[in-house]
PDB file of all heavy atoms in Angstrom:
ATOM      1  N   ALA A   1       7.790  -1.093  -2.569  1.00  0.00           N
ATOM      2  CA  ALA A   1       7.145  -0.669  -1.350  1.00  0.00           C
ATOM      3  C   ALA A   1       7.500  -1.477  -0.244  1.00  0.00           C
ATOM      4  O   ALA A   1       7.860  -0.856   0.900  1.00  0.00           O
ATOM      5  CB  ALA A   1       5.614  -0.698  -1.607  1.00  0.00           C
ATOM      6  N   ALA A   2       7.557  -2.732  -0.345  1.00  0.00           N
ATOM      7  CA  ALA A   2       7.946  -3.642   0.881  1.00  0.00           C
ATOM      8  C   ALA A   2       9.280  -3.385   1.321  1.00  0.00           C
ATOM      9  O   ALA A   2       9.659  -3.354   2.449  1.00  0.00           O
ATOM     10  CB  ALA A   2       7.727  -5.098   0.431  1.00  0.00           C
ATOM     11  N   TYR A   3      10.173  -3.163   0.326  1.00  0.00           N
ATOM     12  CA  TYR A   3      11.713  -2.945   0.677  1.00  0.00           C
ATOM     13  C   TYR A   3      11.810  -1.626   1.544  1.00  0.00           C
ATOM     14  O   TYR A   3      12.798  -1.540   2.321  1.00  0.00           O
ATOM     15  CB  TYR A   3      12.504  -2.793  -0.585  1.00  0.00           C
ATOM     16  CG  TYR A   3      13.342  -4.037  -0.807  1.00  0.00           C
ATOM     17  CD1 TYR A   3      13.232  -4.778  -2.122  1.00  0.00           C
ATOM     18  CD2 TYR A   3      14.391  -4.435  -0.011  1.00  0.00           C
ATOM     19  CE1 TYR A   3      14.067  -5.863  -2.326  1.00  0.00           C
ATOM     20  CE2 TYR A   3      15.166  -5.461  -0.268  1.00  0.00           C
ATOM     21  CZ  TYR A   3      15.013  -6.153  -1.413  1.00  0.00           C
ATOM     22  OH  TYR A   3      15.915  -7.297  -1.706  1.00  0.00           O
ATOM     23  N   GLN A   4      10.987  -0.658   1.281  1.00  0.00           N
ATOM     24  CA  GLN A   4      11.075   0.579   2.066  1.00  0.00           C
ATOM     25  C   GLN A   4      10.815   0.469   3.519  1.00  0.00           C
ATOM     26  O   GLN A   4      11.132   1.285   4.320  1.00  0.00           O
ATOM     27  CB  GLN A   4      10.148   1.698   1.547  1.00  0.00           C
ATOM     28  CG  GLN A   4      10.357   1.918   0.033  1.00  0.00           C
ATOM     29  CD  GLN A   4      11.793   1.922  -0.400  1.00  0.00           C
ATOM     30  OE1 GLN A   4      12.595   2.787  -0.037  1.00  0.00           O
ATOM     31  NE2 GLN A   4      12.133   0.974  -1.343  1.00  0.00           N
ATOM     32  N   THR A   5      10.306  -0.756   3.991  1.00  0.00           N
ATOM     33  CA  THR A   5       9.802  -0.947   5.312  1.00  0.00           C
ATOM     34  C   THR A   5      10.627  -2.031   6.072  1.00  0.00           C
ATOM     35  O   THR A   5      10.264  -2.368   7.136  1.00  0.00           O
ATOM     36  CB  THR A   5       8.314  -1.227   5.347  1.00  0.00           C
ATOM     37  OG1 THR A   5       8.152  -2.622   4.806  1.00  0.00           O
ATOM     38  CG2 THR A   5       7.509  -0.277   4.559  1.00  0.00           C
ATOM     39  N   VAL A   6      11.620  -2.551   5.422  1.00  0.00           N
ATOM     40  CA  VAL A   6      12.429  -3.558   6.026  1.00  0.00           C
ATOM     41  C   VAL A   6      13.827  -3.113   6.363  1.00  0.00           C
ATOM     42  O   VAL A   6      14.359  -2.161   5.689  1.00  0.00           O
ATOM     43  CB  VAL A   6      12.442  -4.855   5.144  1.00  0.00           C
ATOM     44  CG1 VAL A   6      11.082  -5.374   4.831  1.00  0.00           C
ATOM     45  CG2 VAL A   6      13.274  -4.609   3.872  1.00  0.00           C
ATOM     46  N   PRO A   7      14.566  -3.683   7.265  1.00  0.00           N
ATOM     47  CA  PRO A   7      15.912  -3.330   7.646  1.00  0.00           C
ATOM     48  C   PRO A   7      16.900  -3.401   6.378  1.00  0.00           C
ATOM     49  O   PRO A   7      16.676  -4.334   5.547  1.00  0.00           O
ATOM     50  CB  PRO A   7      16.468  -4.307   8.721  1.00  0.00           C
ATOM     51  CG  PRO A   7      15.080  -4.709   9.356  1.00  0.00           C
ATOM     52  CD  PRO A   7      14.066  -4.776   8.261  1.00  0.00           C
ATOM     53  N   LYS A   8      17.897  -2.618   6.262  1.00  0.00           N
ATOM     54  CA  LYS A   8      18.774  -2.737   5.063  1.00  0.00           C
ATOM     55  C   LYS A   8      19.572  -3.927   4.875  1.00  0.00           C
ATOM     56  O   LYS A   8      20.082  -4.243   3.799  1.00  0.00           O
ATOM     57  CB  LYS A   8      19.765  -1.509   5.147  1.00  0.00           C
ATOM     58  CG  LYS A   8      19.129  -0.055   5.221  1.00  0.00           C
ATOM     59  CD  LYS A   8      18.333   0.126   3.964  1.00  0.00           C
ATOM     60  CE  LYS A   8      17.747   1.612   3.913  1.00  0.00           C
ATOM     61  NZ  LYS A   8      16.827   1.706   2.648  1.00  0.00           N
ATOM     62  N   ASP A   9      19.620  -4.670   6.002  1.00  0.00           N
ATOM     63  CA  ASP A   9      20.482  -6.012   5.870  1.00  0.00           C
ATOM     64  C   ASP A   9      19.546  -7.089   5.457  1.00  0.00           C
ATOM     65  O   ASP A   9      20.007  -8.278   5.405  1.00  0.00           O
ATOM     66  CB  ASP A   9      21.133  -6.333   7.166  1.00  0.00           C
ATOM     67  CG  ASP A   9      20.193  -6.465   8.353  1.00  0.00           C
ATOM     68  OD1 ASP A   9      18.914  -6.265   8.182  1.00  0.00           O
ATOM     69  OD2 ASP A   9      20.659  -6.748   9.494  1.00  0.00           O
ATOM     70  N   ARG A  10      18.314  -6.887   5.137  1.00  0.00           N
ATOM     71  CA  ARG A  10      17.326  -7.976   4.622  1.00  0.00           C
ATOM     72  C   ARG A  10      17.205  -7.988   3.157  1.00  0.00           C
ATOM     73  O   ARG A  10      16.969  -6.936   2.605  1.00  0.00           O
ATOM     74  CB  ARG A  10      16.008  -7.919   5.406  1.00  0.00           C
ATOM     75  CG  ARG A  10      16.050  -7.772   6.951  1.00  0.00           C
ATOM     76  CD  ARG A  10      16.509  -9.096   7.529  1.00  0.00           C
ATOM     77  NE  ARG A  10      16.990  -8.909   8.881  1.00  0.00           N
ATOM     78  CZ  ARG A  10      16.349  -9.444   9.930  1.00  0.00           C
ATOM     79  NH1 ARG A  10      15.191 -10.138   9.707  1.00  0.00           N
ATOM     80  NH2 ARG A  10      16.819  -9.306  11.091  1.00  0.00           N
ATOM     81  N   ILE A  11      17.303  -9.120   2.531  1.00  0.00           N
ATOM     82  CA  ILE A  11      17.141  -9.137   1.054  1.00  0.00           C
ATOM     83  C   ILE A  11      15.951 -10.130   0.737  1.00  0.00           C
ATOM     84  O   ILE A  11      15.840 -11.079   1.373  1.00  0.00           O
ATOM     85  CB  ILE A  11      18.507  -9.755   0.443  1.00  0.00           C
ATOM     86  CG1 ILE A  11      19.536  -8.726   0.665  1.00  0.00           C
ATOM     87  CG2 ILE A  11      18.158  -9.975  -1.107  1.00  0.00           C
ATOM     88  CD1 ILE A  11      19.379  -7.452  -0.071  1.00  0.00           C
ATOM     89  N   ALA A  12      15.111  -9.724  -0.193  1.00  0.00           N
ATOM     90  CA  ALA A  12      13.971 -10.432  -0.590  1.00  0.00           C
ATOM     91  C   ALA A  12      14.359 -11.848  -1.101  1.00  0.00           C
ATOM     92  O   ALA A  12      15.340 -12.017  -1.914  1.00  0.00           O
ATOM     93  CB  ALA A  12      13.139  -9.773  -1.675  1.00  0.00           C
ATOM     94  N   HIS A  13      13.730 -12.843  -0.580  1.00  0.00           N
ATOM     95  CA  HIS A  13      14.024 -14.317  -1.140  1.00  0.00           C
ATOM     96  C   HIS A  13      12.814 -14.862  -1.841  1.00  0.00           C
ATOM     97  O   HIS A  13      12.935 -15.773  -2.604  1.00  0.00           O
ATOM     98  CB  HIS A  13      14.429 -15.156  -0.055  1.00  0.00           C
ATOM     99  CG  HIS A  13      13.475 -15.608   0.992  1.00  0.00           C
ATOM    100  ND1 HIS A  13      12.593 -16.658   0.798  1.00  0.00           N
ATOM    101  CD2 HIS A  13      13.075 -15.066   2.261  1.00  0.00           C
ATOM    102  CE1 HIS A  13      11.765 -16.717   1.789  1.00  0.00           C
ATOM    103  NE2 HIS A  13      12.047 -15.866   2.691  1.00  0.00           N
ATOM    104  N   SER A  14      11.547 -14.213  -1.576  1.00  0.00           N
ATOM    105  CA  SER A  14      10.405 -14.703  -2.300  1.00  0.00           C
ATOM    106  C   SER A  14       9.319 -13.677  -2.249  1.00  0.00           C
ATOM    107  O   SER A  14       9.276 -12.838  -1.288  1.00  0.00           O
ATOM    108  CB  SER A  14       9.955 -16.073  -1.851  1.00  0.00           C
ATOM    109  OG  SER A  14       9.367 -15.946  -0.506  1.00  0.00           O
ATOM    110  N   MET A  15       8.469 -13.702  -3.261  1.00  0.00           N
ATOM    111  CA  MET A  15       7.316 -12.892  -3.286  1.00  0.00           C
ATOM    112  C   MET A  15       6.136 -13.627  -3.989  1.00  0.00           C
ATOM    113  O   MET A  15       6.386 -14.366  -4.943  1.00  0.00           O
ATOM    114  CB  MET A  15       7.382 -11.578  -3.913  1.00  0.00           C
ATOM    115  CG  MET A  15       7.984 -11.583  -5.388  1.00  0.00           C
ATOM    116  SD  MET A  15       8.340  -9.973  -6.137  1.00  0.00           S
ATOM    117  CE  MET A  15       6.706  -9.253  -6.064  1.00  0.00           C
ATOM    118  N   HIS A  16       4.890 -13.473  -3.532  1.00  0.00           N
ATOM    119  CA  HIS A  16       3.807 -14.253  -4.044  1.00  0.00           C
ATOM    120  C   HIS A  16       2.690 -13.213  -4.280  1.00  0.00           C
ATOM    121  O   HIS A  16       2.192 -12.680  -3.287  1.00  0.00           O
ATOM    122  CB  HIS A  16       3.368 -15.407  -3.193  1.00  0.00           C
ATOM    123  CG  HIS A  16       4.427 -16.472  -2.953  1.00  0.00           C
ATOM    124  ND1 HIS A  16       4.391 -17.620  -3.580  1.00  0.00           N
ATOM    125  CD2 HIS A  16       5.519 -16.306  -2.229  1.00  0.00           C
ATOM    126  CE1 HIS A  16       5.479 -18.335  -3.137  1.00  0.00           C
ATOM    127  NE2 HIS A  16       6.212 -17.576  -2.357  1.00  0.00           N
ATOM    128  N   GLY A  17       2.124 -13.019  -5.435  1.00  0.00           N
ATOM    129  CA  GLY A  17       1.163 -12.056  -5.659  1.00  0.00           C
ATOM    130  C   GLY A  17      -0.095 -12.558  -6.424  1.00  0.00           C
ATOM    131  O   GLY A  17      -0.053 -13.476  -7.259  1.00  0.00           O
ATOM    132  N   TYR A  18      -1.317 -11.946  -6.177  1.00  0.00           N
ATOM    133  CA  TYR A  18      -2.470 -12.198  -6.868  1.00  0.00           C
ATOM    134  C   TYR A  18      -3.019 -10.970  -7.538  1.00  0.00           C
ATOM    135  O   TYR A  18      -3.169  -9.900  -6.867  1.00  0.00           O
ATOM    136  CB  TYR A  18      -3.474 -12.757  -5.930  1.00  0.00           C
ATOM    137  CG  TYR A  18      -3.472 -14.152  -5.540  1.00  0.00           C
ATOM    138  CD1 TYR A  18      -2.730 -14.632  -4.457  1.00  0.00           C
ATOM    139  CD2 TYR A  18      -3.944 -15.206  -6.421  1.00  0.00           C
ATOM    140  CE1 TYR A  18      -2.500 -15.922  -4.171  1.00  0.00           C
ATOM    141  CE2 TYR A  18      -3.777 -16.592  -6.123  1.00  0.00           C
ATOM    142  CZ  TYR A  18      -3.122 -16.972  -5.020  1.00  0.00           C
ATOM    143  OH  TYR A  18      -2.877 -18.225  -4.721  1.00  0.00           O
ATOM    144  N   PHE A  19      -3.300 -10.990  -8.759  1.00  0.00           N
ATOM    145  CA  PHE A  19      -3.827  -9.985  -9.586  1.00  0.00           C
ATOM    146  C   PHE A  19      -5.439 -10.020  -9.436  1.00  0.00           C
ATOM    147  O   PHE A  19      -6.059 -11.094  -9.837  1.00  0.00           O
ATOM    148  CB  PHE A  19      -3.533  -9.994 -11.039  1.00  0.00           C
ATOM    149  CG  PHE A  19      -2.119  -9.825 -11.274  1.00  0.00           C
ATOM    150  CD1 PHE A  19      -1.216 -10.811 -11.336  1.00  0.00           C
ATOM    151  CD2 PHE A  19      -1.460  -8.545 -11.376  1.00  0.00           C
ATOM    152  CE1 PHE A  19       0.195 -10.665 -11.512  1.00  0.00           C
ATOM    153  CE2 PHE A  19      -0.059  -8.377 -11.600  1.00  0.00           C
ATOM    154  CZ  PHE A  19       0.695  -9.389 -11.592  1.00  0.00           C
ATOM    155  N   ILE A  20      -6.139  -9.041  -8.964  1.00  0.00           N
ATOM    156  CA  ILE A  20      -7.458  -9.122  -8.646  1.00  0.00           C
ATOM    157  C   ILE A  20      -8.355  -8.452  -9.541  1.00  0.00           C
ATOM    158  O   ILE A  20      -9.376  -8.871 -10.091  1.00  0.00           O
ATOM    159  CB  ILE A  20      -7.727  -8.529  -7.173  1.00  0.00           C
ATOM    160  CG1 ILE A  20      -6.914  -9.496  -6.244  1.00  0.00           C
ATOM    161  CG2 ILE A  20      -9.212  -8.546  -6.805  1.00  0.00           C
ATOM    162  CD1 ILE A  20      -6.776  -8.842  -4.789  1.00  0.00           C
ATOM    163  N   LEU A  21      -7.887  -7.183  -9.967  1.00  0.00           N
ATOM    164  CA  LEU A  21      -8.657  -6.367 -10.974  1.00  0.00           C
ATOM    165  C   LEU A  21      -7.606  -5.782 -11.949  1.00  0.00           C
ATOM    166  O   LEU A  21      -6.444  -5.474 -11.554  1.00  0.00           O
ATOM    167  CB  LEU A  21      -9.416  -5.207 -10.278  1.00  0.00           C
ATOM    168  CG  LEU A  21     -10.591  -5.574  -9.457  1.00  0.00           C
ATOM    169  CD1 LEU A  21     -11.113  -4.365  -8.782  1.00  0.00           C
ATOM    170  CD2 LEU A  21     -11.686  -6.233 -10.230  1.00  0.00           C
ATOM    171  N   GLY A  22      -7.995  -5.576 -13.127  1.00  0.00           N
ATOM    172  CA  GLY A  22      -7.231  -4.935 -14.110  1.00  0.00           C
ATOM    173  C   GLY A  22      -6.996  -3.524 -13.667  1.00  0.00           C
ATOM    174  O   GLY A  22      -7.874  -2.765 -13.317  1.00  0.00           O
ATOM    175  N   GLY A  23      -5.702  -3.019 -13.846  1.00  0.00           N
ATOM    176  CA  GLY A  23      -5.436  -1.668 -13.337  1.00  0.00           C
ATOM    177  C   GLY A  23      -5.745  -0.678 -14.504  1.00  0.00           C
ATOM    178  O   GLY A  23      -5.545  -0.951 -15.685  1.00  0.00           O
ATOM    179  N   ASP A  24      -6.139   0.596 -14.137  1.00  0.00           N
ATOM    180  CA  ASP A  24      -6.378   1.750 -14.982  1.00  0.00           C
ATOM    181  C   ASP A  24      -5.105   2.449 -15.176  1.00  0.00           C
ATOM    182  O   ASP A  24      -4.603   2.987 -14.193  1.00  0.00           O
ATOM    183  CB  ASP A  24      -7.447   2.531 -14.323  1.00  0.00           C
ATOM    184  CG  ASP A  24      -8.078   3.677 -15.253  1.00  0.00           C
ATOM    185  OD1 ASP A  24      -7.214   4.188 -16.055  1.00  0.00           O
ATOM    186  OD2 ASP A  24      -9.164   4.128 -15.180  1.00  0.00           O
ATOM    187  N   LEU A  25      -4.756   2.645 -16.382  1.00  0.00           N
ATOM    188  CA  LEU A  25      -3.574   3.321 -16.742  1.00  0.00           C
ATOM    189  C   LEU A  25      -3.522   4.800 -16.335  1.00  0.00           C
ATOM    190  O   LEU A  25      -2.427   5.320 -16.038  1.00  0.00           O
ATOM    191  CB  LEU A  25      -3.215   3.328 -18.181  1.00  0.00           C
ATOM    192  CG  LEU A  25      -2.866   1.912 -18.829  1.00  0.00           C
ATOM    193  CD1 LEU A  25      -2.734   2.012 -20.376  1.00  0.00           C
ATOM    194  CD2 LEU A  25      -1.450   1.426 -18.300  1.00  0.00           C
ATOM    195  N   ASN A  26      -4.696   5.414 -16.126  1.00  0.00           N
ATOM    196  CA  ASN A  26      -4.731   6.837 -15.881  1.00  0.00           C
ATOM    197  C   ASN A  26      -4.786   7.156 -14.460  1.00  0.00           C
ATOM    198  O   ASN A  26      -4.901   8.333 -14.107  1.00  0.00           O
ATOM    199  CB  ASN A  26      -5.941   7.375 -16.582  1.00  0.00           C
ATOM    200  CG  ASN A  26      -5.916   7.269 -18.136  1.00  0.00           C
ATOM    201  OD1 ASN A  26      -4.871   7.581 -18.774  1.00  0.00           O
ATOM    202  ND2 ASN A  26      -6.945   6.672 -18.763  1.00  0.00           N
ATOM    203  N   ILE A  27      -4.805   6.205 -13.532  1.00  0.00           N
ATOM    204  CA  ILE A  27      -4.940   6.459 -12.080  1.00  0.00           C
ATOM    205  C   ILE A  27      -3.600   5.861 -11.403  1.00  0.00           C
ATOM    206  O   ILE A  27      -3.226   4.700 -11.600  1.00  0.00           O
ATOM    207  CB  ILE A  27      -6.172   5.609 -11.571  1.00  0.00           C
ATOM    208  CG1 ILE A  27      -7.436   6.184 -12.351  1.00  0.00           C
ATOM    209  CG2 ILE A  27      -6.269   5.952  -9.999  1.00  0.00           C
ATOM    210  CD1 ILE A  27      -8.647   5.449 -11.896  1.00  0.00           C
ATOM    211  N   PRO A  28      -2.988   6.727 -10.609  1.00  0.00           N
ATOM    212  CA  PRO A  28      -1.804   6.241  -9.821  1.00  0.00           C
ATOM    213  C   PRO A  28      -2.288   5.106  -8.958  1.00  0.00           C
ATOM    214  O   PRO A  28      -3.381   5.099  -8.611  1.00  0.00           O
ATOM    215  CB  PRO A  28      -1.312   7.497  -9.145  1.00  0.00           C
ATOM    216  CG  PRO A  28      -1.841   8.583  -9.840  1.00  0.00           C
ATOM    217  CD  PRO A  28      -3.136   8.169 -10.518  1.00  0.00           C
ATOM    218  N   ILE A  29      -1.203   4.303  -8.658  1.00  0.00           N
ATOM    219  CA  ILE A  29      -1.457   3.167  -7.656  1.00  0.00           C
ATOM    220  C   ILE A  29      -1.006   3.410  -6.305  1.00  0.00           C
ATOM    221  O   ILE A  29       0.200   3.848  -6.153  1.00  0.00           O
ATOM    222  CB  ILE A  29      -0.862   1.836  -8.229  1.00  0.00           C
ATOM    223  CG1 ILE A  29      -1.393   1.542  -9.647  1.00  0.00           C
ATOM    224  CG2 ILE A  29      -1.177   0.701  -7.375  1.00  0.00           C
ATOM    225  CD1 ILE A  29      -0.734   0.444 -10.407  1.00  0.00           C
ATOM    226  N   THR A  30      -1.879   3.156  -5.341  1.00  0.00           N
ATOM    227  CA  THR A  30      -1.432   3.340  -3.868  1.00  0.00           C
ATOM    228  C   THR A  30      -1.107   1.974  -3.363  1.00  0.00           C
ATOM    229  O   THR A  30      -1.822   0.964  -3.507  1.00  0.00           O
ATOM    230  CB  THR A  30      -2.645   3.916  -3.056  1.00  0.00           C
ATOM    231  OG1 THR A  30      -3.012   5.234  -3.588  1.00  0.00           O
ATOM    232  CG2 THR A  30      -2.247   4.031  -1.564  1.00  0.00           C
ATOM    233  N   TYR A  31       0.080   1.953  -2.782  1.00  0.00           N
ATOM    234  CA  TYR A  31       0.646   0.714  -2.228  1.00  0.00           C
ATOM    235  C   TYR A  31       0.621   0.747  -0.605  1.00  0.00           C
ATOM    236  O   TYR A  31       1.341   1.647  -0.157  1.00  0.00           O
ATOM    237  CB  TYR A  31       2.000   0.397  -2.729  1.00  0.00           C
ATOM    238  CG  TYR A  31       2.107   0.029  -4.171  1.00  0.00           C
ATOM    239  CD1 TYR A  31       2.231   1.093  -5.110  1.00  0.00           C
ATOM    240  CD2 TYR A  31       1.915  -1.267  -4.624  1.00  0.00           C
ATOM    241  CE1 TYR A  31       2.247   0.764  -6.400  1.00  0.00           C
ATOM    242  CE2 TYR A  31       1.822  -1.522  -6.012  1.00  0.00           C
ATOM    243  CZ  TYR A  31       2.036  -0.548  -6.926  1.00  0.00           C
ATOM    244  OH  TYR A  31       2.167  -0.783  -8.289  1.00  0.00           O
ATOM    245  N   GLU A  32      -0.183  -0.081   0.020  1.00  0.00           N
ATOM    246  CA  GLU A  32      -0.263  -0.118   1.525  1.00  0.00           C
ATOM    247  C   GLU A  32       0.503  -1.225   2.071  1.00  0.00           C
ATOM    248  O   GLU A  32       0.216  -2.439   1.641  1.00  0.00           O
ATOM    249  CB  GLU A  32      -1.579  -0.106   1.958  1.00  0.00           C
ATOM    250  CG  GLU A  32      -2.409   1.093   1.476  1.00  0.00           C
ATOM    251  CD  GLU A  32      -3.844   1.074   1.838  1.00  0.00           C
ATOM    252  OE1 GLU A  32      -4.289   0.017   2.373  1.00  0.00           O
ATOM    253  OE2 GLU A  32      -4.654   2.003   1.501  1.00  0.00           O
ATOM    254  N   VAL A  33       1.444  -1.023   2.913  1.00  0.00           N
ATOM    255  CA  VAL A  33       2.271  -2.163   3.371  1.00  0.00           C
ATOM    256  C   VAL A  33       1.922  -2.455   4.849  1.00  0.00           C
ATOM    257  O   VAL A  33       1.860  -1.572   5.698  1.00  0.00           O
ATOM    258  CB  VAL A  33       3.893  -1.864   3.373  1.00  0.00           C
ATOM    259  CG1 VAL A  33       4.741  -2.944   3.831  1.00  0.00           C
ATOM    260  CG2 VAL A  33       4.270  -1.313   2.025  1.00  0.00           C
ATOM    261  N   ASP A  34       1.691  -3.775   5.043  1.00  0.00           N
ATOM    262  CA  ASP A  34       1.479  -4.226   6.532  1.00  0.00           C
ATOM    263  C   ASP A  34       2.657  -4.963   6.964  1.00  0.00           C
ATOM    264  O   ASP A  34       3.230  -5.826   6.261  1.00  0.00           O
ATOM    265  CB  ASP A  34       0.262  -5.218   6.451  1.00  0.00           C
ATOM    266  CG  ASP A  34      -1.085  -4.531   6.227  1.00  0.00           C
ATOM    267  OD1 ASP A  34      -1.172  -3.330   6.426  1.00  0.00           O
ATOM    268  OD2 ASP A  34      -2.100  -5.242   5.791  1.00  0.00           O
ATOM    269  N   THR A  35       3.014  -4.715   8.208  1.00  0.00           N
ATOM    270  CA  THR A  35       4.112  -5.378   8.857  1.00  0.00           C
ATOM    271  C   THR A  35       3.603  -6.691   9.509  1.00  0.00           C
ATOM    272  O   THR A  35       2.930  -6.616  10.400  1.00  0.00           O
ATOM    273  CB  THR A  35       4.788  -4.460   9.889  1.00  0.00           C
ATOM    274  OG1 THR A  35       5.407  -3.289   9.232  1.00  0.00           O
ATOM    275  CG2 THR A  35       5.978  -5.299  10.678  1.00  0.00           C
ATOM    276  N   LEU A  36       3.973  -7.869   8.863  1.00  0.00           N
ATOM    277  CA  LEU A  36       3.397  -9.122   9.509  1.00  0.00           C
ATOM    278  C   LEU A  36       4.412  -9.770  10.509  1.00  0.00           C
ATOM    279  O   LEU A  36       3.985 -10.299  11.399  1.00  0.00           O
ATOM    280  CB  LEU A  36       3.170 -10.082   8.298  1.00  0.00           C
ATOM    281  CG  LEU A  36       2.152  -9.637   7.207  1.00  0.00           C
ATOM    282  CD1 LEU A  36       1.954 -10.769   6.240  1.00  0.00           C
ATOM    283  CD2 LEU A  36       0.883  -9.192   7.871  1.00  0.00           C
ATOM    284  N   ARG A  37       5.674  -9.597  10.215  1.00  0.00           N
ATOM    285  CA  ARG A  37       6.628 -10.157  11.116  1.00  0.00           C
ATOM    286  C   ARG A  37       8.035  -9.464  11.002  1.00  0.00           C
ATOM    287  O   ARG A  37       8.444  -9.233   9.889  1.00  0.00           O
ATOM    288  CB  ARG A  37       6.777 -11.696  10.939  1.00  0.00           C
ATOM    289  CG  ARG A  37       7.744 -12.387  11.832  1.00  0.00           C
ATOM    290  CD  ARG A  37       7.705 -13.934  11.720  1.00  0.00           C
ATOM    291  NE  ARG A  37       8.463 -14.608  12.645  1.00  0.00           N
ATOM    292  CZ  ARG A  37       9.811 -15.010  12.409  1.00  0.00           C
ATOM    293  NH1 ARG A  37      10.371 -14.809  11.380  1.00  0.00           N
ATOM    294  NH2 ARG A  37      10.338 -15.723  13.439  1.00  0.00           N
TER     295      ARG A  37
END
């Protein structure tokens, strides 16, 4: 999801995530991307 919002010449160098709740297998997941910089 994040990659879809950045210029093509940018490559990921790090990611840091927190799992907050267990996901339900029967419900699709919505990913909302915020542009920070």
